[in-house]
Amino acid sequence: MYSGKEETQNSDVSKTEKLVFRLMRPYLLRGHHLFMDNFYNSINLTQKLLDLKTHSTGTLRANRKGTPTYIVKKKLKRGEHIWACKNRVYVSKWKDKRPVLMITSKIHPTIVEVSNRFGRTRLKPAEVEVYNRFMSGIDRSDQMVSYYSCPRKTIRWYKKVFFHLLDIAVWNAFYLFKKYKKGNSTAYSYIKYRDELIKDMIGLDKNLTGKDMFSNTRINDSRRFRTSHPQPEVSAIENNGSGHWPEQMYSSGRYIKKICFFEMQRMLQTKY
């Protein structure tokens, strides 16, 4: 998060490197092993961390400064694996469904046999296997949070930060709930957990769905629509009009929402 120009400038250290060093300051020179994704990793950062007795492993972007071009441009078939080493920093490339570029100062790039949860074995580079073991939870969290994200482009940045932290807190709660829930928790989805959590927080019956959730509540509870006059209930509005509700129609990409069944008016609506 950018918070203004810094008083001291060091052209040898990038902004992402400054962030890593600031967060890792209490743990440097202790032999720790740091895992990062390709937003932070670079050969320069890996070498600097290694000089501070801190190993690092992670994915690497092909356009990072100092990345071996012959490794990046090498065309590989599925399952093939190549690597290069300089000053104890390894850069490797492995082709699975797509090319994967890795950087590490701890793990020698060798092919190992790994088993999945179904007992099936396959060959995979050691650096990829270790990275997945320690980073899969983070990647899974980011993936699930993105599916049901609260922030929108129209809100201010500090509100986006707040709602993103709220999304992460909900996912962490769901993870702990699944971990310690007795019985069969595999069929309990994240969206169902969010739905029940929201109903608990606003005091709604968990069995209510659709427009039934609004039958005993007022439409305009937010500050934006508050007036000195009492607001009509949804049930009253439903009965004195045409008595129909918007219906969402899904399609690929953008989806169409039918506004009125009688007039057949439609509009296109995106996520934002």
C-alpha atoms as a PDB file:
ATOM      1  CA  MET A   1       0.000   0.000   0.000  1.00  0.00           C
ATOM      2  CA  TYR A   2       1.545   3.345  -1.075  1.00  0.00           C
ATOM      3  CA  SER A   3       1.632   5.875   1.767  1.00  0.00           C
ATOM      4  CA  GLY A   4       3.698   8.704   0.286  1.00  0.00           C
ATOM      5  CA  LYS A   5       7.248   9.397  -0.797  1.00  0.00           C
ATOM      6  CA  GLU A   6       9.929   8.100   1.544  1.00  0.00           C
ATOM      7  CA  GLU A   7      12.478  10.444   3.027  1.00  0.00           C
ATOM      8  CA  THR A   8      15.457   8.235   2.152  1.00  0.00           C
ATOM      9  CA  GLN A   9      15.816   6.866  -1.353  1.00  0.00           C
ATOM     10  CA  ASN A  10      18.026   3.912  -2.281  1.00  0.00           C
ATOM     11  CA  SER A  11      18.156   3.200  -6.013  1.00  0.00           C
ATOM     12  CA  ASP A  12      19.669  -0.250  -5.393  1.00  0.00           C
ATOM     13  CA  VAL A  13      16.577  -1.510  -3.578  1.00  0.00           C
ATOM     14  CA  SER A  14      13.166  -1.728  -5.267  1.00  0.00           C
ATOM     15  CA  LYS A  15       9.868  -1.034  -3.502  1.00  0.00           C
ATOM     16  CA  THR A  16       8.992  -4.725  -3.275  1.00  0.00           C
ATOM     17  CA  GLU A  17      12.443  -5.499  -1.840  1.00  0.00           C
ATOM     18  CA  LYS A  18      11.995  -2.771   0.777  1.00  0.00           C
ATOM     19  CA  LEU A  19       8.692  -4.312   1.779  1.00  0.00           C
ATOM     20  CA  VAL A  20      10.226  -7.786   2.131  1.00  0.00           C
ATOM     21  CA  PHE A  21      13.169  -6.504   4.174  1.00  0.00           C
ATOM     22  CA  ARG A  22      10.889  -4.463   6.444  1.00  0.00           C
ATOM     23  CA  LEU A  23       8.638  -7.439   7.202  1.00  0.00           C
ATOM     24  CA  MET A  24      11.555  -9.861   7.563  1.00  0.00           C
ATOM     25  CA  ARG A  25      13.764  -7.607   9.691  1.00  0.00           C
ATOM     26  CA  PRO A  26      13.205  -9.567  12.959  1.00  0.00           C
ATOM     27  CA  TYR A  27      13.907 -12.901  11.213  1.00  0.00           C
ATOM     28  CA  LEU A  28      17.024 -12.174   9.159  1.00  0.00           C
ATOM     29  CA  LEU A  29      20.378 -13.801   9.995  1.00  0.00           C
ATOM     30  CA  ARG A  30      18.587 -16.757  11.626  1.00  0.00           C
ATOM     31  CA  GLY A  31      18.549 -19.291   8.803  1.00  0.00           C
ATOM     32  CA  HIS A  32      14.822 -19.057   8.046  1.00  0.00           C
ATOM     33  CA  HIS A  33      13.279 -20.208   4.758  1.00  0.00           C
ATOM     34  CA  LEU A  34      10.942 -17.659   3.130  1.00  0.00           C
ATOM     35  CA  PHE A  35       8.284 -18.563   0.525  1.00  0.00           C
ATOM     36  CA  MET A  36       6.956 -15.861  -1.840  1.00  0.00           C
ATOM     37  CA  ASP A  37       4.991 -15.661  -5.080  1.00  0.00           C
ATOM     38  CA  ASN A  38       6.179 -14.081  -8.321  1.00  0.00           C
ATOM     39  CA  PHE A  39       5.098 -10.561  -7.334  1.00  0.00           C
ATOM     40  CA  TYR A  40       8.114 -10.267  -5.002  1.00  0.00           C
ATOM     41  CA  ASN A  41      10.715 -12.744  -6.234  1.00  0.00           C
ATOM     42  CA  SER A  42      13.758 -11.735  -8.239  1.00  0.00           C
ATOM     43  CA  ILE A  43      17.329 -12.942  -8.534  1.00  0.00           C
ATOM     44  CA  ASN A  44      18.590  -9.765  -6.881  1.00  0.00           C
ATOM     45  CA  LEU A  45      16.279 -10.186  -3.864  1.00  0.00           C
ATOM     46  CA  THR A  46      17.100 -13.889  -3.504  1.00  0.00           C
ATOM     47  CA  GLN A  47      20.833 -13.116  -3.512  1.00  0.00           C
ATOM     48  CA  LYS A  48      20.451 -10.345  -0.925  1.00  0.00           C
ATOM     49  CA  LEU A  49      18.407 -12.603   1.362  1.00  0.00           C
ATOM     50  CA  LEU A  50      20.977 -15.367   0.977  1.00  0.00           C
ATOM     51  CA  ASP A  51      23.729 -12.945   2.018  1.00  0.00           C
ATOM     52  CA  LEU A  52      21.652 -12.332   5.167  1.00  0.00           C
ATOM     53  CA  LYS A  53      21.506 -16.092   5.887  1.00  0.00           C
ATOM     54  CA  THR A  54      17.863 -16.336   4.799  1.00  0.00           C
ATOM     55  CA  HIS A  55      16.783 -18.813   2.135  1.00  0.00           C
ATOM     56  CA  SER A  56      13.863 -18.152  -0.206  1.00  0.00           C
ATOM     57  CA  THR A  57      11.785 -20.164  -2.674  1.00  0.00           C
ATOM     58  CA  GLY A  58       8.951 -19.210  -4.986  1.00  0.00           C
ATOM     59  CA  THR A  59       7.622 -18.623  -8.457  1.00  0.00           C
ATOM     60  CA  LEU A  60       9.393 -16.167 -10.739  1.00  0.00           C
ATOM     61  CA  ARG A  61       8.211 -13.839 -13.486  1.00  0.00           C
ATOM     62  CA  ALA A  62       9.936 -14.274 -16.820  1.00  0.00           C
ATOM     63  CA  ASN A  63      10.541 -10.533 -17.268  1.00  0.00           C
ATOM     64  CA  ARG A  64      12.418 -10.038 -13.986  1.00  0.00           C
ATOM     65  CA  LYS A  65      15.833  -8.459 -14.354  1.00  0.00           C
ATOM     66  CA  GLY A  66      18.636 -11.022 -14.393  1.00  0.00           C
ATOM     67  CA  THR A  67      16.453 -14.031 -15.229  1.00  0.00           C
ATOM     68  CA  PRO A  68      18.367 -16.334 -17.650  1.00  0.00           C
ATOM     69  CA  THR A  69      16.844 -15.764 -21.088  1.00  0.00           C
ATOM     70  CA  TYR A  70      17.762 -19.234 -22.352  1.00  0.00           C
ATOM     71  CA  ILE A  71      15.772 -20.753 -19.476  1.00  0.00           C
ATOM     72  CA  VAL A  72      12.778 -18.532 -20.211  1.00  0.00           C
ATOM     73  CA  LYS A  73      12.797 -19.088 -23.989  1.00  0.00           C
ATOM     74  CA  LYS A  74      13.447 -22.822 -23.875  1.00  0.00           C
ATOM     75  CA  LYS A  75      10.489 -24.775 -25.300  1.00  0.00           C
ATOM     76  CA  LEU A  76       9.680 -27.769 -23.125  1.00  0.00           C
ATOM     77  CA  LYS A  77       7.409 -30.745 -23.513  1.00  0.00           C
ATOM     78  CA  ARG A  78       5.118 -31.744 -20.686  1.00  0.00           C
ATOM     79  CA  GLY A  79       7.135 -33.205 -17.809  1.00  0.00           C
ATOM     80  CA  GLU A  80      10.500 -31.781 -18.936  1.00  0.00           C
ATOM     81  CA  HIS A  81      12.612 -29.851 -16.428  1.00  0.00           C
ATOM     82  CA  ILE A  82      15.686 -27.626 -16.833  1.00  0.00           C
ATOM     83  CA  TRP A  83      17.587 -25.422 -14.406  1.00  0.00           C
ATOM     84  CA  ALA A  84      20.587 -23.110 -14.025  1.00  0.00           C
ATOM     85  CA  CYS A  85      22.615 -21.993 -11.004  1.00  0.00           C
ATOM     86  CA  LYS A  86      24.723 -18.941 -10.219  1.00  0.00           C
ATOM     87  CA  ASN A  87      26.079 -17.919  -6.813  1.00  0.00           C
ATOM     88  CA  ARG A  88      23.972 -20.611  -5.086  1.00  0.00           C
ATOM     89  CA  VAL A  89      20.733 -19.249  -6.625  1.00  0.00           C
ATOM     90  CA  TYR A  90      18.791 -21.777  -8.719  1.00  0.00           C
ATOM     91  CA  VAL A  91      16.383 -20.841 -11.512  1.00  0.00           C
ATOM     92  CA  SER A  92      14.363 -23.709 -12.966  1.00  0.00           C
ATOM     93  CA  LYS A  93      11.612 -24.242 -15.517  1.00  0.00           C
ATOM     94  CA  TRP A  94       9.152 -27.113 -15.565  1.00  0.00           C
ATOM     95  CA  LYS A  95       6.356 -27.818 -18.024  1.00  0.00           C
ATOM     96  CA  ASP A  96       3.132 -29.203 -16.573  1.00  0.00           C
ATOM     97  CA  LYS A  97      -0.086 -27.953 -18.156  1.00  0.00           C
ATOM     98  CA  ARG A  98       1.816 -24.702 -18.648  1.00  0.00           C
ATOM     99  CA  PRO A  99       5.419 -23.582 -18.007  1.00  0.00           C
ATOM    100  CA  VAL A 100       6.312 -22.940 -14.362  1.00  0.00           C
ATOM    101  CA  LEU A 101       9.333 -20.766 -13.556  1.00  0.00           C
ATOM    102  CA  MET A 102      10.839 -21.196 -10.077  1.00  0.00           C
ATOM    103  CA  ILE A 103      13.654 -19.613  -8.076  1.00  0.00           C
ATOM    104  CA  THR A 104      15.245 -20.970  -4.898  1.00  0.00           C
ATOM    105  CA  SER A 105      18.396 -20.708  -2.821  1.00  0.00           C
ATOM    106  CA  LYS A 106      17.627 -23.734  -0.649  1.00  0.00           C
ATOM    107  CA  ILE A 107      16.427 -26.669  -2.775  1.00  0.00           C
ATOM    108  CA  HIS A 108      18.490 -28.378  -5.444  1.00  0.00           C
ATOM    109  CA  PRO A 109      16.267 -28.747  -8.557  1.00  0.00           C
ATOM    110  CA  THR A 110      15.743 -32.498  -8.854  1.00  0.00           C
ATOM    111  CA  ILE A 111      12.758 -34.598  -9.890  1.00  0.00           C
ATOM    112  CA  VAL A 112      11.019 -36.396  -7.018  1.00  0.00           C
ATOM    113  CA  GLU A 113       8.042 -38.732  -6.792  1.00  0.00           C
ATOM    114  CA  VAL A 114       5.039 -37.364  -4.922  1.00  0.00           C
ATOM    115  CA  SER A 115       1.623 -38.785  -4.059  1.00  0.00           C
ATOM    116  CA  ASN A 116      -1.695 -36.970  -4.052  1.00  0.00           C
ATOM    117  CA  ARG A 117      -4.563 -37.509  -1.617  1.00  0.00           C
ATOM    118  CA  PHE A 118      -5.947 -40.309  -3.816  1.00  0.00           C
ATOM    119  CA  GLY A 119      -2.690 -42.275  -3.607  1.00  0.00           C
ATOM    120  CA  ARG A 120      -1.637 -41.603  -7.184  1.00  0.00           C
ATOM    121  CA  THR A 121       2.054 -40.914  -7.732  1.00  0.00           C
ATOM    122  CA  ARG A 122       3.619 -38.536 -10.220  1.00  0.00           C
ATOM    123  CA  LEU A 123       6.977 -36.907 -10.900  1.00  0.00           C
ATOM    124  CA  LYS A 124       7.482 -33.302  -9.907  1.00  0.00           C
ATOM    125  CA  PRO A 125      10.482 -30.983  -9.274  1.00  0.00           C
ATOM    126  CA  ALA A 126      11.494 -30.856  -5.615  1.00  0.00           C
ATOM    127  CA  GLU A 127      11.279 -27.051  -5.490  1.00  0.00           C
ATOM    128  CA  VAL A 128       7.700 -27.132  -6.850  1.00  0.00           C
ATOM    129  CA  GLU A 129       6.651 -29.821  -4.365  1.00  0.00           C
ATOM    130  CA  VAL A 130       8.048 -27.898  -1.372  1.00  0.00           C
ATOM    131  CA  TYR A 131       6.544 -24.616  -2.587  1.00  0.00           C
ATOM    132  CA  ASN A 132       3.105 -26.208  -2.988  1.00  0.00           C
ATOM    133  CA  ARG A 133       3.358 -27.786   0.447  1.00  0.00           C
ATOM    134  CA  PHE A 134       3.911 -24.460   2.203  1.00  0.00           C
ATOM    135  CA  MET A 135       2.031 -22.058  -0.097  1.00  0.00           C
ATOM    136  CA  SER A 136      -1.033 -24.003  -1.232  1.00  0.00           C
ATOM    137  CA  GLY A 137      -3.098 -22.694   1.680  1.00  0.00           C
ATOM    138  CA  ILE A 138      -2.313 -19.074   0.782  1.00  0.00           C
ATOM    139  CA  ASP A 139      -3.124 -19.589  -2.904  1.00  0.00           C
ATOM    140  CA  ARG A 140      -6.346 -21.398  -1.991  1.00  0.00           C
ATOM    141  CA  SER A 141      -7.349 -18.560   0.324  1.00  0.00           C
ATOM    142  CA  ASP A 142      -6.787 -15.927  -2.382  1.00  0.00           C
ATOM    143  CA  GLN A 143      -8.749 -18.036  -4.856  1.00  0.00           C
ATOM    144  CA  MET A 144     -11.784 -18.502  -2.615  1.00  0.00           C
ATOM    145  CA  VAL A 145     -11.835 -14.876  -1.442  1.00  0.00           C
ATOM    146  CA  SER A 146     -11.871 -13.698  -5.076  1.00  0.00           C
ATOM    147  CA  TYR A 147     -15.016 -15.747  -5.818  1.00  0.00           C
ATOM    148  CA  TYR A 148     -17.198 -13.854  -3.320  1.00  0.00           C
ATOM    149  CA  SER A 149     -15.353 -10.568  -2.965  1.00  0.00           C
ATOM    150  CA  CYS A 150     -17.017  -7.592  -1.257  1.00  0.00           C
ATOM    151  CA  PRO A 151     -14.885  -4.690  -2.634  1.00  0.00           C
ATOM    152  CA  ARG A 152     -15.975  -2.925  -5.820  1.00  0.00           C
ATOM    153  CA  LYS A 153     -14.210  -0.425  -8.054  1.00  0.00           C
ATOM    154  CA  THR A 154     -16.636   2.334  -7.118  1.00  0.00           C
ATOM    155  CA  ILE A 155     -15.710   2.483  -3.417  1.00  0.00           C
ATOM    156  CA  ARG A 156     -12.764   4.326  -1.892  1.00  0.00           C
ATOM    157  CA  TRP A 157      -9.461   2.539  -1.374  1.00  0.00           C
ATOM    158  CA  TYR A 158      -9.623   2.395   2.433  1.00  0.00           C
ATOM    159  CA  LYS A 159     -13.047   0.765   2.212  1.00  0.00           C
ATOM    160  CA  LYS A 160     -11.626  -1.806  -0.210  1.00  0.00           C
ATOM    161  CA  VAL A 161      -8.901  -2.611   2.317  1.00  0.00           C
ATOM    162  CA  PHE A 162     -11.467  -3.010   5.101  1.00  0.00           C
ATOM    163  CA  PHE A 163     -13.778  -5.273   3.084  1.00  0.00           C
ATOM    164  CA  HIS A 164     -10.848  -7.339   1.804  1.00  0.00           C
ATOM    165  CA  LEU A 165      -9.689  -7.934   5.384  1.00  0.00           C
ATOM    166  CA  LEU A 166     -13.278  -8.860   6.227  1.00  0.00           C
ATOM    167  CA  ASP A 167     -13.321 -11.396   3.364  1.00  0.00           C
ATOM    168  CA  ILE A 168     -10.078 -12.938   4.624  1.00  0.00           C
ATOM    169  CA  ALA A 169     -11.446 -13.132   8.183  1.00  0.00           C
ATOM    170  CA  VAL A 170     -14.563 -14.946   6.932  1.00  0.00           C
ATOM    171  CA  TRP A 171     -12.478 -17.424   4.927  1.00  0.00           C
ATOM    172  CA  ASN A 172     -10.181 -18.081   7.921  1.00  0.00           C
ATOM    173  CA  ALA A 173     -13.244 -18.703  10.091  1.00  0.00           C
ATOM    174  CA  PHE A 174     -14.632 -21.117   7.485  1.00  0.00           C
ATOM    175  CA  TYR A 175     -11.301 -22.961   7.333  1.00  0.00           C
ATOM    176  CA  LEU A 176     -11.238 -23.439  11.113  1.00  0.00           C
ATOM    177  CA  PHE A 177     -14.916 -24.420  11.088  1.00  0.00           C
ATOM    178  CA  LYS A 178     -14.266 -27.159   8.511  1.00  0.00           C
ATOM    179  CA  LYS A 179     -11.159 -28.310  10.361  1.00  0.00           C
ATOM    180  CA  TYR A 180     -12.850 -28.801  13.735  1.00  0.00           C
ATOM    181  CA  LYS A 181     -16.440 -29.565  12.674  1.00  0.00           C
ATOM    182  CA  LYS A 182     -17.528 -33.050  13.675  1.00  0.00           C
ATOM    183  CA  GLY A 183     -19.096 -35.317  11.082  1.00  0.00           C
ATOM    184  CA  ASN A 184     -19.036 -34.894   7.320  1.00  0.00           C
ATOM    185  CA  SER A 185     -17.924 -31.337   6.570  1.00  0.00           C
ATOM    186  CA  THR A 186     -16.849 -31.901   2.955  1.00  0.00           C
ATOM    187  CA  ALA A 187     -20.363 -31.200   1.641  1.00  0.00           C
ATOM    188  CA  TYR A 188     -20.534 -27.884   3.518  1.00  0.00           C
ATOM    189  CA  SER A 189     -19.648 -25.213   0.952  1.00  0.00           C
ATOM    190  CA  TYR A 190     -18.074 -21.807   1.500  1.00  0.00           C
ATOM    191  CA  ILE A 191     -21.058 -19.967  -0.004  1.00  0.00           C
ATOM    192  CA  LYS A 192     -23.432 -21.807   2.348  1.00  0.00           C
ATOM    193  CA  TYR A 193     -21.249 -20.808   5.305  1.00  0.00           C
ATOM    194  CA  ARG A 194     -21.291 -17.146   4.208  1.00  0.00           C
ATOM    195  CA  ASP A 195     -25.059 -17.256   3.732  1.00  0.00           C
ATOM    196  CA  GLU A 196     -25.683 -18.643   7.232  1.00  0.00           C
ATOM    197  CA  LEU A 197     -23.150 -16.246   8.755  1.00  0.00           C
ATOM    198  CA  ILE A 198     -24.910 -13.233   7.217  1.00  0.00           C
ATOM    199  CA  LYS A 199     -28.309 -14.449   8.414  1.00  0.00           C
ATOM    200  CA  ASP A 200     -26.939 -14.953  11.942  1.00  0.00           C
ATOM    201  CA  MET A 201     -25.423 -11.465  12.000  1.00  0.00           C
ATOM    202  CA  ILE A 202     -28.664  -9.742  10.949  1.00  0.00           C
ATOM    203  CA  GLY A 203     -30.950 -12.052  12.925  1.00  0.00           C
ATOM    204  CA  LEU A 204     -32.738 -13.871  10.100  1.00  0.00           C
ATOM    205  CA  ASP A 205     -34.080 -17.405  10.126  1.00  0.00           C
ATOM    206  CA  LYS A 206     -31.655 -19.728   8.300  1.00  0.00           C
ATOM    207  CA  ASN A 207     -34.545 -21.380   6.452  1.00  0.00           C
ATOM    208  CA  LEU A 208     -35.633 -18.144   4.759  1.00  0.00           C
ATOM    209  CA  THR A 209     -34.707 -17.735   1.094  1.00  0.00           C
ATOM    210  CA  GLY A 210     -35.319 -15.198  -1.665  1.00  0.00           C
ATOM    211  CA  LYS A 211     -37.944 -12.504  -1.080  1.00  0.00           C
ATOM    212  CA  ASP A 212     -39.122 -14.225   2.115  1.00  0.00           C
ATOM    213  CA  MET A 213     -36.057 -12.755   3.836  1.00  0.00           C
ATOM    214  CA  PHE A 214     -37.535  -9.262   3.374  1.00  0.00           C
ATOM    215  CA  SER A 215     -41.147  -9.947   4.341  1.00  0.00           C
ATOM    216  CA  ASN A 216     -40.692  -8.761   7.932  1.00  0.00           C
ATOM    217  CA  THR A 217     -38.065  -6.089   7.348  1.00  0.00           C
ATOM    218  CA  ARG A 218     -38.054  -2.628   5.885  1.00  0.00           C
ATOM    219  CA  ILE A 219     -36.476  -1.847   2.538  1.00  0.00           C
ATOM    220  CA  ASN A 220     -34.608   1.332   3.381  1.00  0.00           C
ATOM    221  CA  ASP A 221     -32.663   0.673   6.567  1.00  0.00           C
ATOM    222  CA  SER A 222     -29.465   2.307   5.305  1.00  0.00           C
ATOM    223  CA  ARG A 223     -28.546   5.905   6.121  1.00  0.00           C
ATOM    224  CA  ARG A 224     -28.670   6.791   2.450  1.00  0.00           C
ATOM    225  CA  PHE A 225     -32.467   6.337   2.236  1.00  0.00           C
ATOM    226  CA  ARG A 226     -33.568   7.342   5.738  1.00  0.00           C
ATOM    227  CA  THR A 227     -36.329   9.960   5.943  1.00  0.00           C
ATOM    228  CA  SER A 228     -38.588  11.308   8.656  1.00  0.00           C
ATOM    229  CA  HIS A 229     -41.529   9.344   7.239  1.00  0.00           C
ATOM    230  CA  PRO A 230     -42.068   5.645   7.989  1.00  0.00           C
ATOM    231  CA  GLN A 231     -41.018   3.391   5.137  1.00  0.00           C
ATOM    232  CA  PRO A 232     -43.479   0.901   3.616  1.00  0.00           C
ATOM    233  CA  GLU A 233     -42.817  -2.782   4.048  1.00  0.00           C
ATOM    234  CA  VAL A 234     -41.823  -4.944   1.110  1.00  0.00           C
ATOM    235  CA  SER A 235     -44.979  -7.024   1.408  1.00  0.00           C
ATOM    236  CA  ALA A 236     -47.096  -3.873   1.014  1.00  0.00           C
ATOM    237  CA  ILE A 237     -45.200  -2.769  -2.084  1.00  0.00           C
ATOM    238  CA  GLU A 238     -45.512  -6.219  -3.542  1.00  0.00           C
ATOM    239  CA  ASN A 239     -49.305  -6.252  -3.157  1.00  0.00           C
ATOM    240  CA  ASN A 240     -50.126  -2.757  -4.446  1.00  0.00           C
ATOM    241  CA  GLY A 241     -48.124  -3.055  -7.657  1.00  0.00           C
ATOM    242  CA  SER A 242     -47.847  -5.644 -10.350  1.00  0.00           C
ATOM    243  CA  GLY A 243     -46.571  -8.148  -7.777  1.00  0.00           C
ATOM    244  CA  HIS A 244     -43.452  -9.402  -9.550  1.00  0.00           C
ATOM    245  CA  TRP A 245     -39.773  -9.510  -8.630  1.00  0.00           C
ATOM    246  CA  PRO A 246     -36.542  -9.224 -10.680  1.00  0.00           C
ATOM    247  CA  GLU A 247     -35.250 -12.548 -11.881  1.00  0.00           C
ATOM    248  CA  GLN A 248     -31.572 -13.168 -12.656  1.00  0.00           C
ATOM    249  CA  MET A 249     -30.798 -14.976 -15.915  1.00  0.00           C
ATOM    250  CA  TYR A 250     -27.278 -16.423 -16.164  1.00  0.00           C
ATOM    251  CA  SER A 251     -25.238 -16.625 -19.327  1.00  0.00           C
ATOM    252  CA  SER A 252     -21.549 -16.762 -20.219  1.00  0.00           C
ATOM    253  CA  GLY A 253     -19.525 -13.656 -19.361  1.00  0.00           C
ATOM    254  CA  ARG A 254     -21.971 -10.878 -18.550  1.00  0.00           C
ATOM    255  CA  TYR A 255     -25.412 -11.941 -17.455  1.00  0.00           C
ATOM    256  CA  ILE A 256     -28.856 -10.582 -18.279  1.00  0.00           C
ATOM    257  CA  LYS A 257     -31.247  -9.519 -15.566  1.00  0.00           C
ATOM    258  CA  LYS A 258     -34.928  -9.423 -16.509  1.00  0.00           C
ATOM    259  CA  ILE A 259     -36.468  -6.309 -14.975  1.00  0.00           C
ATOM    260  CA  CYS A 260     -40.121  -6.795 -15.852  1.00  0.00           C
ATOM    261  CA  PHE A 261     -41.910  -9.924 -16.968  1.00  0.00           C
ATOM    262  CA  PHE A 262     -44.715  -7.936 -18.606  1.00  0.00           C
ATOM    263  CA  GLU A 263     -42.757  -5.286 -20.493  1.00  0.00           C
ATOM    264  CA  MET A 264     -39.855  -7.668 -21.293  1.00  0.00           C
ATOM    265  CA  GLN A 265     -37.331  -4.940 -20.562  1.00  0.00           C
ATOM    266  CA  ARG A 266     -33.773  -6.148 -20.096  1.00  0.00           C
ATOM    267  CA  MET A 267     -30.451  -4.699 -19.103  1.00  0.00           C
ATOM    268  CA  LEU A 268     -26.872  -5.942 -19.119  1.00  0.00           C
ATOM    269  CA  GLN A 269     -25.106  -6.031 -15.774  1.00  0.00           C
ATOM    270  CA  THR A 270     -21.496  -6.873 -14.907  1.00  0.00           C
ATOM    271  CA  LYS A 271     -19.786  -7.553 -11.587  1.00  0.00           C
ATOM    272  CA  TYR A 272     -19.060  -3.852 -11.128  1.00  0.00           C
END
